[in-house]
């Protein structure tokens, strides 16, 4: 397992943006944890998530308003 550096941005509204870069097309496992009311780090519902990338893809496609994100939401 390899950790990928990321940037976490607190939007000061209960939401966070996470930016990372990975040049591999191998599947990635992303774990998202939070501090619960008992002081323990626990995963958010559904975590870990598995994602894949595509070399040469336009990075705008993966933005929250990008076409790949819209297609993923429609498929749910």
PDB file of N, CA and C in Angstrom:
ATOM      1  N   UNK A   1       0.850  -1.166   0.000  1.00  0.00           N
ATOM      2  CA  UNK A   1       0.000   0.000   0.000  1.00  0.00           C
ATOM      3  C   UNK A   1       0.900   1.235   0.000  1.00  0.00           C
ATOM      4  N   UNK A   2       0.499   2.249  -0.770  1.00  0.00           N
ATOM      5  CA  UNK A   2       1.268   3.475  -0.876  1.00  0.00           C
ATOM      6  C   UNK A   2       0.349   4.663  -0.570  1.00  0.00           C
ATOM      7  N   UNK A   3       0.812   5.550   0.270  1.00  0.00           N
ATOM      8  CA  UNK A   3       0.026   6.744   0.583  1.00  0.00           C
ATOM      9  C   UNK A   3       0.300   7.815  -0.465  1.00  0.00           C
ATOM     10  N   UNK A   4      -0.765   8.447  -0.940  1.00  0.00           N
ATOM     11  CA  UNK A   4      -0.644   9.510  -1.935  1.00  0.00           C
ATOM     12  C   UNK A   4      -0.845  10.845  -1.232  1.00  0.00           C
ATOM     13  N   UNK A   5       0.082  11.783  -1.408  1.00  0.00           N
ATOM     14  CA  UNK A   5      -0.076  13.096  -0.770  1.00  0.00           C
ATOM     15  C   UNK A   5      -1.357  13.780  -1.241  1.00  0.00           C
ATOM     16  N   UNK A   6      -1.976  14.523  -0.343  1.00  0.00           N
ATOM     17  CA  UNK A   6      -3.192  15.249  -0.707  1.00  0.00           C
ATOM     18  C   UNK A   6      -3.240  16.590   0.014  1.00  0.00           C
ATOM     19  N   UNK A   7      -4.109  17.441  -0.485  1.00  0.00           N
ATOM     20  CA  UNK A   7      -4.359  18.745   0.141  1.00  0.00           C
ATOM     21  C   UNK A   7      -5.812  18.736   0.609  1.00  0.00           C
ATOM     22  N   UNK A   8      -6.043  19.024   1.883  1.00  0.00           N
ATOM     23  CA  UNK A   8      -7.398  19.057   2.442  1.00  0.00           C
ATOM     24  C   UNK A   8      -7.763  20.506   2.727  1.00  0.00           C
ATOM     25  N   UNK A   9      -8.899  20.944   2.163  1.00  0.00           N
ATOM     26  CA  UNK A   9      -9.343  22.323   2.319  1.00  0.00           C
ATOM     27  C   UNK A   9     -10.646  22.328   3.108  1.00  0.00           C
ATOM     28  N   UNK A  10     -10.635  23.017   4.260  1.00  0.00           N
ATOM     29  CA  UNK A  10     -11.823  23.156   5.093  1.00  0.00           C
ATOM     30  C   UNK A  10     -12.625  24.340   4.565  1.00  0.00           C
ATOM     31  N   UNK A  11     -13.845  24.096   4.108  1.00  0.00           N
ATOM     32  CA  UNK A  11     -14.695  25.150   3.556  1.00  0.00           C
ATOM     33  C   UNK A  11     -15.448  25.931   4.636  1.00  0.00           C
ATOM     34  N   UNK A  12     -15.180  25.612   5.897  1.00  0.00           N
ATOM     35  CA  UNK A  12     -15.818  26.288   7.037  1.00  0.00           C
ATOM     36  C   UNK A  12     -17.338  26.231   7.003  1.00  0.00           C
ATOM     37  N   UNK A  13     -17.885  25.173   6.385  1.00  0.00           N
ATOM     38  CA  UNK A  13     -19.333  25.005   6.347  1.00  0.00           C
ATOM     39  C   UNK A  13     -19.722  23.536   6.568  1.00  0.00           C
ATOM     40  N   UNK A  14     -18.785  22.757   7.129  1.00  0.00           N
ATOM     41  CA  UNK A  14     -19.026  21.339   7.332  1.00  0.00           C
ATOM     42  C   UNK A  14     -18.578  20.481   6.162  1.00  0.00           C
ATOM     43  N   UNK A  15     -18.103  21.121   5.094  1.00  0.00           N
ATOM     44  CA  UNK A  15     -17.638  20.399   3.917  1.00  0.00           C
ATOM     45  C   UNK A  15     -16.136  20.613   3.730  1.00  0.00           C
ATOM     46  N   UNK A  16     -15.509  19.627   3.129  1.00  0.00           N
ATOM     47  CA  UNK A  16     -14.076  19.679   2.856  1.00  0.00           C
ATOM     48  C   UNK A  16     -13.840  19.318   1.399  1.00  0.00           C
ATOM     49  N   UNK A  17     -12.864  19.921   0.780  1.00  0.00           N
ATOM     50  CA  UNK A  17     -12.406  19.539  -0.549  1.00  0.00           C
ATOM     51  C   UNK A  17     -11.059  18.859  -0.376  1.00  0.00           C
ATOM     52  N   UNK A  18     -10.854  17.780  -1.088  1.00  0.00           N
ATOM     53  CA  UNK A  18      -9.584  17.062  -1.039  1.00  0.00           C
ATOM     54  C   UNK A  18      -9.034  16.994  -2.451  1.00  0.00           C
ATOM     55  N   UNK A  19      -7.791  17.432  -2.606  1.00  0.00           N
ATOM     56  CA  UNK A  19      -7.141  17.406  -3.911  1.00  0.00           C
ATOM     57  C   UNK A  19      -5.938  16.478  -3.838  1.00  0.00           C
ATOM     58  N   UNK A  20      -5.802  15.640  -4.843  1.00  0.00           N
ATOM     59  CA  UNK A  20      -4.666  14.737  -4.913  1.00  0.00           C
ATOM     60  C   UNK A  20      -4.357  14.476  -6.378  1.00  0.00           C
ATOM     61  N   UNK A  21      -3.185  13.963  -6.632  1.00  0.00           N
ATOM     62  CA  UNK A  21      -2.794  13.619  -7.994  1.00  0.00           C
ATOM     63  C   UNK A  21      -2.171  12.233  -7.975  1.00  0.00           C
ATOM     64  N   UNK A  22      -2.609  11.401  -8.886  1.00  0.00           N
ATOM     65  CA  UNK A  22      -2.038  10.069  -9.033  1.00  0.00           C
ATOM     66  C   UNK A  22      -1.961   9.767 -10.523  1.00  0.00           C
ATOM     67  N   UNK A  23      -0.796   9.383 -11.002  1.00  0.00           N
ATOM     68  CA  UNK A  23      -0.630   9.136 -12.433  1.00  0.00           C
ATOM     69  C   UNK A  23      -0.782   7.660 -12.800  1.00  0.00           C
ATOM     70  N   UNK A  24      -1.388   6.886 -11.946  1.00  0.00           N
ATOM     71  CA  UNK A  24      -1.581   5.459 -12.169  1.00  0.00           C
ATOM     72  C   UNK A  24      -3.018   5.168 -12.573  1.00  0.00           C
ATOM     73  N   UNK A  25      -3.203   4.150 -13.413  1.00  0.00           N
ATOM     74  CA  UNK A  25      -4.551   3.704 -13.762  1.00  0.00           C
ATOM     75  C   UNK A  25      -4.993   2.542 -12.874  1.00  0.00           C
ATOM     76  N   UNK A  26      -4.130   2.162 -11.934  1.00  0.00           N
ATOM     77  CA  UNK A  26      -4.493   1.097 -11.002  1.00  0.00           C
ATOM     78  C   UNK A  26      -5.605   1.586 -10.076  1.00  0.00           C
ATOM     79  N   UNK A  27      -6.491   0.685  -9.643  1.00  0.00           N
ATOM     80  CA  UNK A  27      -7.530   1.089  -8.687  1.00  0.00           C
ATOM     81  C   UNK A  27      -6.903   1.633  -7.402  1.00  0.00           C
ATOM     82  N   UNK A  28      -7.543   2.646  -6.841  1.00  0.00           N
ATOM     83  CA  UNK A  28      -7.101   3.243  -5.580  1.00  0.00           C
ATOM     84  C   UNK A  28      -8.180   3.044  -4.535  1.00  0.00           C
ATOM     85  N   UNK A  29      -7.761   2.843  -3.312  1.00  0.00           N
ATOM     86  CA  UNK A  29      -8.683   2.762  -2.193  1.00  0.00           C
ATOM     87  C   UNK A  29      -8.535   4.050  -1.388  1.00  0.00           C
ATOM     88  N   UNK A  30      -9.632   4.759  -1.209  1.00  0.00           N
ATOM     89  CA  UNK A  30      -9.616   6.017  -0.471  1.00  0.00           C
ATOM     90  C   UNK A  30     -10.424   5.851   0.810  1.00  0.00           C
ATOM     91  N   UNK A  31      -9.759   6.056   1.938  1.00  0.00           N
ATOM     92  CA  UNK A  31     -10.414   5.973   3.248  1.00  0.00           C
ATOM     93  C   UNK A  31     -10.632   7.373   3.787  1.00  0.00           C
ATOM     94  N   UNK A  32     -11.841   7.628   4.256  1.00  0.00           N
ATOM     95  CA  UNK A  32     -12.182   8.921   4.844  1.00  0.00           C
ATOM     96  C   UNK A  32     -12.651   8.671   6.265  1.00  0.00           C
ATOM     97  N   UNK A  33     -11.951   9.268   7.214  1.00  0.00           N
ATOM     98  CA  UNK A  33     -12.247   9.083   8.630  1.00  0.00           C
ATOM     99  C   UNK A  33     -12.630  10.409   9.272  1.00  0.00           C
ATOM    100  N   UNK A  34     -13.379  10.336  10.359  1.00  0.00           N
ATOM    101  CA  UNK A  34     -13.686  11.532  11.146  1.00  0.00           C
ATOM    102  C   UNK A  34     -13.656  11.186  12.626  1.00  0.00           C
ATOM    103  N   UNK A  35     -13.519  12.203  13.441  1.00  0.00           N
ATOM    104  CA  UNK A  35     -13.472  12.046  14.887  1.00  0.00           C
ATOM    105  C   UNK A  35     -14.900  12.006  15.414  1.00  0.00           C
ATOM    106  N   UNK A  36     -15.299  10.866  15.990  1.00  0.00           N
ATOM    107  CA  UNK A  36     -16.678  10.752  16.479  1.00  0.00           C
ATOM    108  C   UNK A  36     -16.824  11.374  17.867  1.00  0.00           C
ATOM    109  N   UNK A  37     -18.043  11.313  18.419  1.00  0.00           N
ATOM    110  CA  UNK A  37     -18.327  11.947  19.707  1.00  0.00           C
ATOM    111  C   UNK A  37     -17.638  11.248  20.883  1.00  0.00           C
ATOM    112  N   UNK A  38     -17.035  10.087  20.637  1.00  0.00           N
ATOM    113  CA  UNK A  38     -16.292   9.373  21.676  1.00  0.00           C
ATOM    114  C   UNK A  38     -14.789   9.574  21.528  1.00  0.00           C
ATOM    115  N   UNK A  39     -14.394  10.436  20.590  1.00  0.00           N
ATOM    116  CA  UNK A  39     -12.981  10.735  20.399  1.00  0.00           C
ATOM    117  C   UNK A  39     -12.227   9.695  19.583  1.00  0.00           C
ATOM    118  N   UNK A  40     -12.963   8.834  18.851  1.00  0.00           N
ATOM    119  CA  UNK A  40     -12.329   7.813  18.022  1.00  0.00           C
ATOM    120  C   UNK A  40     -12.426   8.185  16.550  1.00  0.00           C
ATOM    121  N   UNK A  41     -11.370   7.858  15.789  1.00  0.00           N
ATOM    122  CA  UNK A  41     -11.401   8.061  14.354  1.00  0.00           C
ATOM    123  C   UNK A  41     -12.147   6.887  13.726  1.00  0.00           C
ATOM    124  N   UNK A  42     -13.246   7.190  13.028  1.00  0.00           N
ATOM    125  CA  UNK A  42     -14.077   6.152  12.419  1.00  0.00           C
ATOM    126  C   UNK A  42     -14.337   6.509  10.951  1.00  0.00           C
ATOM    127  N   UNK A  43     -14.572   5.501  10.100  1.00  0.00           N
ATOM    128  CA  UNK A  43     -14.814   5.790   8.687  1.00  0.00           C
ATOM    129  C   UNK A  43     -16.195   6.404   8.456  1.00  0.00           C
ATOM    130  N   UNK A  44     -16.286   7.307   7.473  1.00  0.00           N
ATOM    131  CA  UNK A  44     -17.591   7.800   7.059  1.00  0.00           C
ATOM    132  C   UNK A  44     -18.316   6.658   6.348  1.00  0.00           C
ATOM    133  N   UNK A  45     -19.613   6.747   6.258  1.00  0.00           N
ATOM    134  CA  UNK A  45     -20.407   5.685   5.639  1.00  0.00           C
ATOM    135  C   UNK A  45     -19.916   5.420   4.216  1.00  0.00           C
ATOM    136  N   UNK A  46     -19.663   4.159   3.909  1.00  0.00           N
ATOM    137  CA  UNK A  46     -19.217   3.761   2.572  1.00  0.00           C
ATOM    138  C   UNK A  46     -17.706   3.715   2.404  1.00  0.00           C
ATOM    139  N   UNK A  47     -16.969   4.275   3.342  1.00  0.00           N
ATOM    140  CA  UNK A  47     -15.511   4.302   3.240  1.00  0.00           C
ATOM    141  C   UNK A  47     -14.953   2.959   3.675  1.00  0.00           C
ATOM    142  N   UNK A  48     -13.963   2.430   2.992  1.00  0.00           N
ATOM    143  CA  UNK A  48     -13.182   3.051   1.922  1.00  0.00           C
ATOM    144  C   UNK A  48     -13.886   2.972   0.567  1.00  0.00           C
ATOM    145  N   UNK A  49     -13.547   3.909  -0.296  1.00  0.00           N
ATOM    146  CA  UNK A  49     -14.073   3.984  -1.649  1.00  0.00           C
ATOM    147  C   UNK A  49     -12.995   3.517  -2.616  1.00  0.00           C
ATOM    148  N   UNK A  50     -13.388   2.863  -3.695  1.00  0.00           N
ATOM    149  CA  UNK A  50     -12.446   2.441  -4.715  1.00  0.00           C
ATOM    150  C   UNK A  50     -12.667   3.282  -5.964  1.00  0.00           C
ATOM    151  N   UNK A  51     -11.589   3.850  -6.484  1.00  0.00           N
ATOM    152  CA  UNK A  51     -11.667   4.661  -7.687  1.00  0.00           C
ATOM    153  C   UNK A  51     -10.603   4.195  -8.675  1.00  0.00           C
ATOM    154  N   UNK A  52     -10.782   4.553  -9.927  1.00  0.00           N
ATOM    155  CA  UNK A  52      -9.772   4.301 -10.951  1.00  0.00           C
ATOM    156  C   UNK A  52      -9.566   5.578 -11.747  1.00  0.00           C
ATOM    157  N   UNK A  53      -8.419   5.701 -12.328  1.00  0.00           N
ATOM    158  CA  UNK A  53      -8.114   6.867 -13.148  1.00  0.00           C
ATOM    159  C   UNK A  53      -7.848   6.459 -14.579  1.00  0.00           C
ATOM    160  N   UNK A  54      -7.711   7.458 -15.432  1.00  0.00           N
ATOM    161  CA  UNK A  54      -7.419   7.212 -16.834  1.00  0.00           C
ATOM    162  C   UNK A  54      -6.367   8.210 -17.275  1.00  0.00           C
ATOM    163  N   UNK A  55      -5.203   7.694 -17.690  1.00  0.00           N
ATOM    164  CA  UNK A  55      -4.126   8.569 -18.135  1.00  0.00           C
ATOM    165  C   UNK A  55      -4.591   9.392 -19.329  1.00  0.00           C
ATOM    166  N   UNK A  56      -4.211  10.656 -19.315  1.00  0.00           N
ATOM    167  CA  UNK A  56      -4.541  11.546 -20.423  1.00  0.00           C
ATOM    168  C   UNK A  56      -5.928  12.151 -20.347  1.00  0.00           C
ATOM    169  N   UNK A  57      -6.705  11.773 -19.356  1.00  0.00           N
ATOM    170  CA  UNK A  57      -8.056  12.336 -19.221  1.00  0.00           C
ATOM    171  C   UNK A  57      -7.961  13.790 -18.791  1.00  0.00           C
ATOM    172  N   UNK A  58      -8.910  14.582 -19.227  1.00  0.00           N
ATOM    173  CA  UNK A  58      -8.974  15.990 -18.846  1.00  0.00           C
ATOM    174  C   UNK A  58      -9.319  16.073 -17.363  1.00  0.00           C
ATOM    175  N   UNK A  59      -8.492  16.740 -16.575  1.00  0.00           N
ATOM    176  CA  UNK A  59      -8.723  16.806 -15.127  1.00  0.00           C
ATOM    177  C   UNK A  59     -10.049  17.479 -14.791  1.00  0.00           C
ATOM    178  N   UNK A  60     -10.575  18.313 -15.676  1.00  0.00           N
ATOM    179  CA  UNK A  60     -11.868  18.966 -15.423  1.00  0.00           C
ATOM    180  C   UNK A  60     -13.000  17.943 -15.318  1.00  0.00           C
ATOM    181  N   UNK A  61     -12.833  16.791 -15.959  1.00  0.00           N
ATOM    182  CA  UNK A  61     -13.880  15.766 -15.907  1.00  0.00           C
ATOM    183  C   UNK A  61     -14.125  15.256 -14.496  1.00  0.00           C
ATOM    184  N   UNK A  62     -13.115  15.319 -13.648  1.00  0.00           N
ATOM    185  CA  UNK A  62     -13.251  14.810 -12.286  1.00  0.00           C
ATOM    186  C   UNK A  62     -13.661  15.881 -11.281  1.00  0.00           C
ATOM    187  N   UNK A  63     -13.871  17.093 -11.735  1.00  0.00           N
ATOM    188  CA  UNK A  63     -14.342  18.154 -10.843  1.00  0.00           C
ATOM    189  C   UNK A  63     -15.766  17.831 -10.406  1.00  0.00           C
ATOM    190  N   UNK A  64     -16.193  18.401  -9.295  1.00  0.00           N
ATOM    191  CA  UNK A  64     -17.551  18.141  -8.799  1.00  0.00           C
ATOM    192  C   UNK A  64     -18.616  18.485  -9.834  1.00  0.00           C
ATOM    193  N   UNK A  65     -18.307  19.412 -10.743  1.00  0.00           N
ATOM    194  CA  UNK A  65     -19.262  19.797 -11.784  1.00  0.00           C
ATOM    195  C   UNK A  65     -18.871  19.217 -13.145  1.00  0.00           C
ATOM    196  N   UNK A  66     -17.901  18.312 -13.165  1.00  0.00           N
ATOM    197  CA  UNK A  66     -17.418  17.736 -14.416  1.00  0.00           C
ATOM    198  C   UNK A  66     -18.347  16.674 -14.976  1.00  0.00           C
ATOM    199  N   UNK A  67     -18.129  16.322 -16.240  1.00  0.00           N
ATOM    200  CA  UNK A  67     -19.005  15.370 -16.919  1.00  0.00           C
ATOM    201  C   UNK A  67     -18.931  13.958 -16.328  1.00  0.00           C
ATOM    202  N   UNK A  68     -17.762  13.527 -15.879  1.00  0.00           N
ATOM    203  CA  UNK A  68     -17.664  12.186 -15.284  1.00  0.00           C
ATOM    204  C   UNK A  68     -18.421  12.107 -13.972  1.00  0.00           C
ATOM    205  N   UNK A  69     -18.366  13.166 -13.175  1.00  0.00           N
ATOM    206  CA  UNK A  69     -19.104  13.177 -11.912  1.00  0.00           C
ATOM    207  C   UNK A  69     -20.609  13.149 -12.176  1.00  0.00           C
ATOM    208  N   UNK A  70     -21.063  13.921 -13.148  1.00  0.00           N
ATOM    209  CA  UNK A  70     -22.504  13.932 -13.488  1.00  0.00           C
ATOM    210  C   UNK A  70     -22.953  12.554 -13.951  1.00  0.00           C
ATOM    211  N   UNK A  71     -22.145  11.882 -14.772  1.00  0.00           N
ATOM    212  CA  UNK A  71     -22.497  10.543 -15.260  1.00  0.00           C
ATOM    213  C   UNK A  71     -22.542   9.559 -14.107  1.00  0.00           C
ATOM    214  N   UNK A  72     -21.622   9.659 -13.161  1.00  0.00           N
ATOM    215  CA  UNK A  72     -21.614   8.759 -12.013  1.00  0.00           C
ATOM    216  C   UNK A  72     -22.861   8.943 -11.163  1.00  0.00           C
ATOM    217  N   UNK A  73     -23.247  10.177 -10.941  1.00  0.00           N
ATOM    218  CA  UNK A  73     -24.439  10.451 -10.126  1.00  0.00           C
ATOM    219  C   UNK A  73     -25.694   9.897 -10.799  1.00  0.00           C
ATOM    220  N   UNK A  74     -25.785  10.066 -12.114  1.00  0.00           N
ATOM    221  CA  UNK A  74     -26.947   9.556 -12.857  1.00  0.00           C
ATOM    222  C   UNK A  74     -27.025   8.031 -12.806  1.00  0.00           C
ATOM    223  N   UNK A  75     -25.870   7.365 -12.675  1.00  0.00           N
ATOM    224  CA  UNK A  75     -25.859   5.900 -12.681  1.00  0.00           C
ATOM    225  C   UNK A  75     -26.289   5.306 -11.347  1.00  0.00           C
ATOM    226  N   UNK A  76     -26.389   6.110 -10.307  1.00  0.00           N
ATOM    227  CA  UNK A  76     -26.742   5.587  -8.976  1.00  0.00           C
ATOM    228  C   UNK A  76     -28.198   5.290  -8.830  1.00  0.00           C
TER     229      UNK A  76
END
